[in-house]
Structure formats: C-alpha cells, structure tokens
Amino acid sequence: MQVIVRDNNVDQALRALKKKMQREGIFREMKLRRNYEKPSERRAREEAEAVRRYRKLLRKRMDREGY
C-alpha cells in the first residue's frame, strides 16, 4: 500500500493511509489476529456475519420497495 506525501503534508498523507487501510479491512484483520481463534469459532463467526449481511440486504431492499 502506498500514499504520496504532497507539500510535506504528512498529516494528510497519514489520514489517506488510514482510510485506505480501513477500506481494505486491515484494521479488522489485525484485531481478529490479536489472539487465537479456534476453527469452530471462526466458522460460527463467519456464518453469523453472513446472516447479518443478508438481513441488512433484505432491510435495504424492503425500504427501497416500500413494504
């Protein structure tokens, strides 16, 4: 990952880097890898995330279609 510093503005470049890392999911992955997660726990978490995403999609679809 690369960010260009323009006019010696390091704060702006750092902000851009953090935004890119957030978009890529690096912070989330670092948090998950902080301690060991059993394979069964990982499977359960991923399934729960999938259900959450699906329900969110349904909610948005219902709002759009006006049910």
N, C-alpha and C. Protein backbone atom coordinates (compact mmCIF):
# COMPACT_ATOMS: atom_id res chain seq x y z
N MET A 1 0.84 -1.16 0.00
CA MET A 1 0.00 0.00 0.00
C MET A 1 0.89 1.23 0.00
N GLN A 2 0.50 2.24 -0.74
CA GLN A 2 1.37 3.39 -0.92
C GLN A 2 0.55 4.67 -0.91
N VAL A 3 1.10 5.69 -0.25
CA VAL A 3 0.47 7.01 -0.20
C VAL A 3 1.54 8.04 -0.51
N ILE A 4 1.22 8.99 -1.33
CA ILE A 4 2.18 10.03 -1.72
C ILE A 4 2.01 11.24 -0.80
N VAL A 5 3.15 11.73 -0.26
CA VAL A 5 3.13 12.92 0.59
C VAL A 5 3.35 14.13 -0.31
N ARG A 6 2.40 15.04 -0.29
CA ARG A 6 2.50 16.24 -1.13
C ARG A 6 2.72 17.47 -0.25
N ASP A 7 3.60 18.33 -0.65
CA ASP A 7 3.90 19.59 0.05
C ASP A 7 4.25 19.36 1.51
N ASN A 8 4.96 18.28 1.80
CA ASN A 8 5.37 17.93 3.17
C ASN A 8 4.20 17.86 4.14
N ASN A 9 3.02 17.54 3.64
CA ASN A 9 1.83 17.43 4.47
C ASN A 9 1.66 15.98 4.91
N VAL A 10 2.35 15.61 5.98
CA VAL A 10 2.35 14.23 6.46
C VAL A 10 1.01 13.87 7.08
N ASP A 11 0.37 14.84 7.75
CA ASP A 11 -0.92 14.56 8.39
C ASP A 11 -1.96 14.12 7.37
N GLN A 12 -2.01 14.81 6.25
CA GLN A 12 -2.98 14.47 5.20
C GLN A 12 -2.66 13.10 4.60
N ALA A 13 -1.38 12.80 4.41
CA ALA A 13 -0.97 11.51 3.87
C ALA A 13 -1.30 10.39 4.85
N LEU A 14 -1.11 10.65 6.14
CA LEU A 14 -1.44 9.65 7.16
C LEU A 14 -2.94 9.37 7.18
N ARG A 15 -3.73 10.43 7.06
CA ARG A 15 -5.18 10.27 7.01
C ARG A 15 -5.60 9.43 5.82
N ALA A 16 -4.97 9.68 4.67
CA ALA A 16 -5.28 8.91 3.45
C ALA A 16 -4.88 7.45 3.63
N LEU A 17 -3.74 7.21 4.27
CA LEU A 17 -3.28 5.84 4.51
C LEU A 17 -4.26 5.10 5.42
N LYS A 18 -4.69 5.75 6.49
CA LYS A 18 -5.64 5.12 7.41
C LYS A 18 -6.95 4.79 6.70
N LYS A 19 -7.39 5.70 5.84
CA LYS A 19 -8.64 5.47 5.11
C LYS A 19 -8.50 4.26 4.18
N LYS A 20 -7.35 4.16 3.50
CA LYS A 20 -7.10 3.02 2.62
C LYS A 20 -7.06 1.71 3.40
N MET A 21 -6.39 1.73 4.56
CA MET A 21 -6.30 0.54 5.38
C MET A 21 -7.67 0.12 5.90
N GLN A 22 -8.48 1.09 6.25
CA GLN A 22 -9.84 0.81 6.72
C GLN A 22 -10.65 0.15 5.61
N ARG A 23 -10.54 0.70 4.41
CA ARG A 23 -11.29 0.16 3.26
C ARG A 23 -10.87 -1.27 2.94
N GLU A 24 -9.58 -1.56 3.09
CA GLU A 24 -9.06 -2.89 2.79
C GLU A 24 -9.36 -3.90 3.90
N GLY A 25 -9.74 -3.42 5.08
CA GLY A 25 -10.07 -4.31 6.18
C GLY A 25 -8.85 -4.75 6.98
N ILE A 26 -7.77 -4.02 6.90
CA ILE A 26 -6.54 -4.40 7.58
C ILE A 26 -6.69 -4.25 9.09
N PHE A 27 -7.33 -3.17 9.55
CA PHE A 27 -7.51 -2.96 10.99
C PHE A 27 -8.35 -4.08 11.58
N ARG A 28 -9.39 -4.47 10.87
CA ARG A 28 -10.28 -5.53 11.35
C ARG A 28 -9.53 -6.86 11.44
N GLU A 29 -8.71 -7.13 10.43
CA GLU A 29 -7.94 -8.37 10.42
C GLU A 29 -6.91 -8.38 11.56
N MET A 30 -6.27 -7.24 11.81
CA MET A 30 -5.31 -7.16 12.91
C MET A 30 -6.01 -7.44 14.23
N LYS A 31 -7.20 -6.91 14.41
CA LYS A 31 -7.95 -7.13 15.64
C LYS A 31 -8.29 -8.62 15.79
N LEU A 32 -8.68 -9.26 14.69
CA LEU A 32 -9.03 -10.68 14.76
C LEU A 32 -7.82 -11.55 15.02
N ARG A 33 -6.66 -11.17 14.52
CA ARG A 33 -5.45 -11.98 14.68
C ARG A 33 -4.72 -11.71 15.99
N ARG A 34 -5.25 -10.80 16.79
CA ARG A 34 -4.59 -10.45 18.04
C ARG A 34 -4.46 -11.67 18.96
N ASN A 35 -5.48 -12.54 18.94
CA ASN A 35 -5.39 -13.77 19.71
C ASN A 35 -5.96 -14.93 18.88
N TYR A 36 -5.64 -16.13 19.28
CA TYR A 36 -6.01 -17.32 18.50
C TYR A 36 -7.51 -17.54 18.53
N GLU A 37 -8.03 -17.95 17.37
CA GLU A 37 -9.45 -18.25 17.24
C GLU A 37 -9.57 -19.68 16.73
N LYS A 38 -10.27 -20.50 17.49
CA LYS A 38 -10.43 -21.89 17.09
C LYS A 38 -11.19 -21.95 15.76
N PRO A 39 -10.91 -22.97 14.93
CA PRO A 39 -11.60 -23.09 13.65
C PRO A 39 -13.12 -23.13 13.79
N SER A 40 -13.63 -23.79 14.83
CA SER A 40 -15.08 -23.84 15.01
C SER A 40 -15.64 -22.46 15.34
N GLU A 41 -14.90 -21.68 16.14
CA GLU A 41 -15.33 -20.32 16.47
C GLU A 41 -15.30 -19.44 15.23
N ARG A 42 -14.27 -19.64 14.41
CA ARG A 42 -14.16 -18.84 13.18
C ARG A 42 -15.32 -19.13 12.25
N ARG A 43 -15.66 -20.42 12.10
CA ARG A 43 -16.78 -20.79 11.24
C ARG A 43 -18.08 -20.17 11.75
N ALA A 44 -18.31 -20.24 13.05
CA ALA A 44 -19.53 -19.68 13.64
C ALA A 44 -19.57 -18.17 13.42
N ARG A 45 -18.43 -17.49 13.61
CA ARG A 45 -18.40 -16.04 13.42
C ARG A 45 -18.69 -15.67 11.97
N GLU A 46 -18.08 -16.39 11.03
CA GLU A 46 -18.28 -16.09 9.62
C GLU A 46 -19.72 -16.34 9.20
N GLU A 47 -20.34 -17.41 9.72
CA GLU A 47 -21.74 -17.68 9.41
C GLU A 47 -22.63 -16.58 9.96
N ALA A 48 -22.34 -16.13 11.18
CA ALA A 48 -23.13 -15.06 11.79
C ALA A 48 -22.98 -13.77 10.99
N GLU A 49 -21.78 -13.49 10.51
CA GLU A 49 -21.56 -12.30 9.68
C GLU A 49 -22.35 -12.39 8.39
N ALA A 50 -22.39 -13.58 7.79
CA ALA A 50 -23.13 -13.76 6.55
C ALA A 50 -24.62 -13.53 6.78
N VAL A 51 -25.14 -14.04 7.89
CA VAL A 51 -26.57 -13.83 8.21
C VAL A 51 -26.83 -12.35 8.41
N ARG A 52 -25.92 -11.66 9.11
CA ARG A 52 -26.08 -10.23 9.36
C ARG A 52 -26.10 -9.46 8.04
N ARG A 53 -25.17 -9.81 7.13
CA ARG A 53 -25.13 -9.11 5.83
C ARG A 53 -26.41 -9.35 5.05
N TYR A 54 -26.92 -10.60 5.07
CA TYR A 54 -28.13 -10.94 4.33
C TYR A 54 -29.33 -10.17 4.88
N ARG A 55 -29.45 -10.12 6.21
CA ARG A 55 -30.57 -9.39 6.82
C ARG A 55 -30.51 -7.91 6.51
N LYS A 56 -29.29 -7.37 6.49
CA LYS A 56 -29.12 -5.96 6.15
C LYS A 56 -29.56 -5.71 4.71
N LEU A 57 -29.19 -6.62 3.81
CA LEU A 57 -29.59 -6.51 2.42
C LEU A 57 -31.11 -6.54 2.29
N LEU A 58 -31.76 -7.47 3.02
CA LEU A 58 -33.22 -7.55 2.99
C LEU A 58 -33.86 -6.27 3.50
N ARG A 59 -33.30 -5.72 4.60
CA ARG A 59 -33.85 -4.47 5.15
C ARG A 59 -33.77 -3.36 4.12
N LYS A 60 -32.62 -3.24 3.46
CA LYS A 60 -32.47 -2.19 2.45
C LYS A 60 -33.43 -2.41 1.29
N ARG A 61 -33.58 -3.66 0.87
CA ARG A 61 -34.48 -3.99 -0.23
C ARG A 61 -35.93 -3.65 0.14
N MET A 62 -36.32 -3.95 1.36
CA MET A 62 -37.68 -3.65 1.82
C MET A 62 -37.91 -2.14 1.88
N ASP A 63 -36.92 -1.39 2.33
CA ASP A 63 -37.05 0.07 2.36
C ASP A 63 -37.20 0.65 0.96
N ARG A 64 -36.42 0.12 0.03
CA ARG A 64 -36.47 0.61 -1.35
C ARG A 64 -37.81 0.31 -2.00
N GLU A 65 -38.34 -0.91 -1.76
CA GLU A 65 -39.57 -1.33 -2.42
C GLU A 65 -40.81 -0.88 -1.66
N GLY A 66 -40.63 -0.38 -0.45
CA GLY A 66 -41.73 0.21 0.31
C GLY A 66 -42.66 -0.78 0.97
N TYR A 67 -42.14 -1.87 1.50
CA TYR A 67 -43.01 -2.83 2.20
C TYR A 67 -43.18 -2.46 3.64
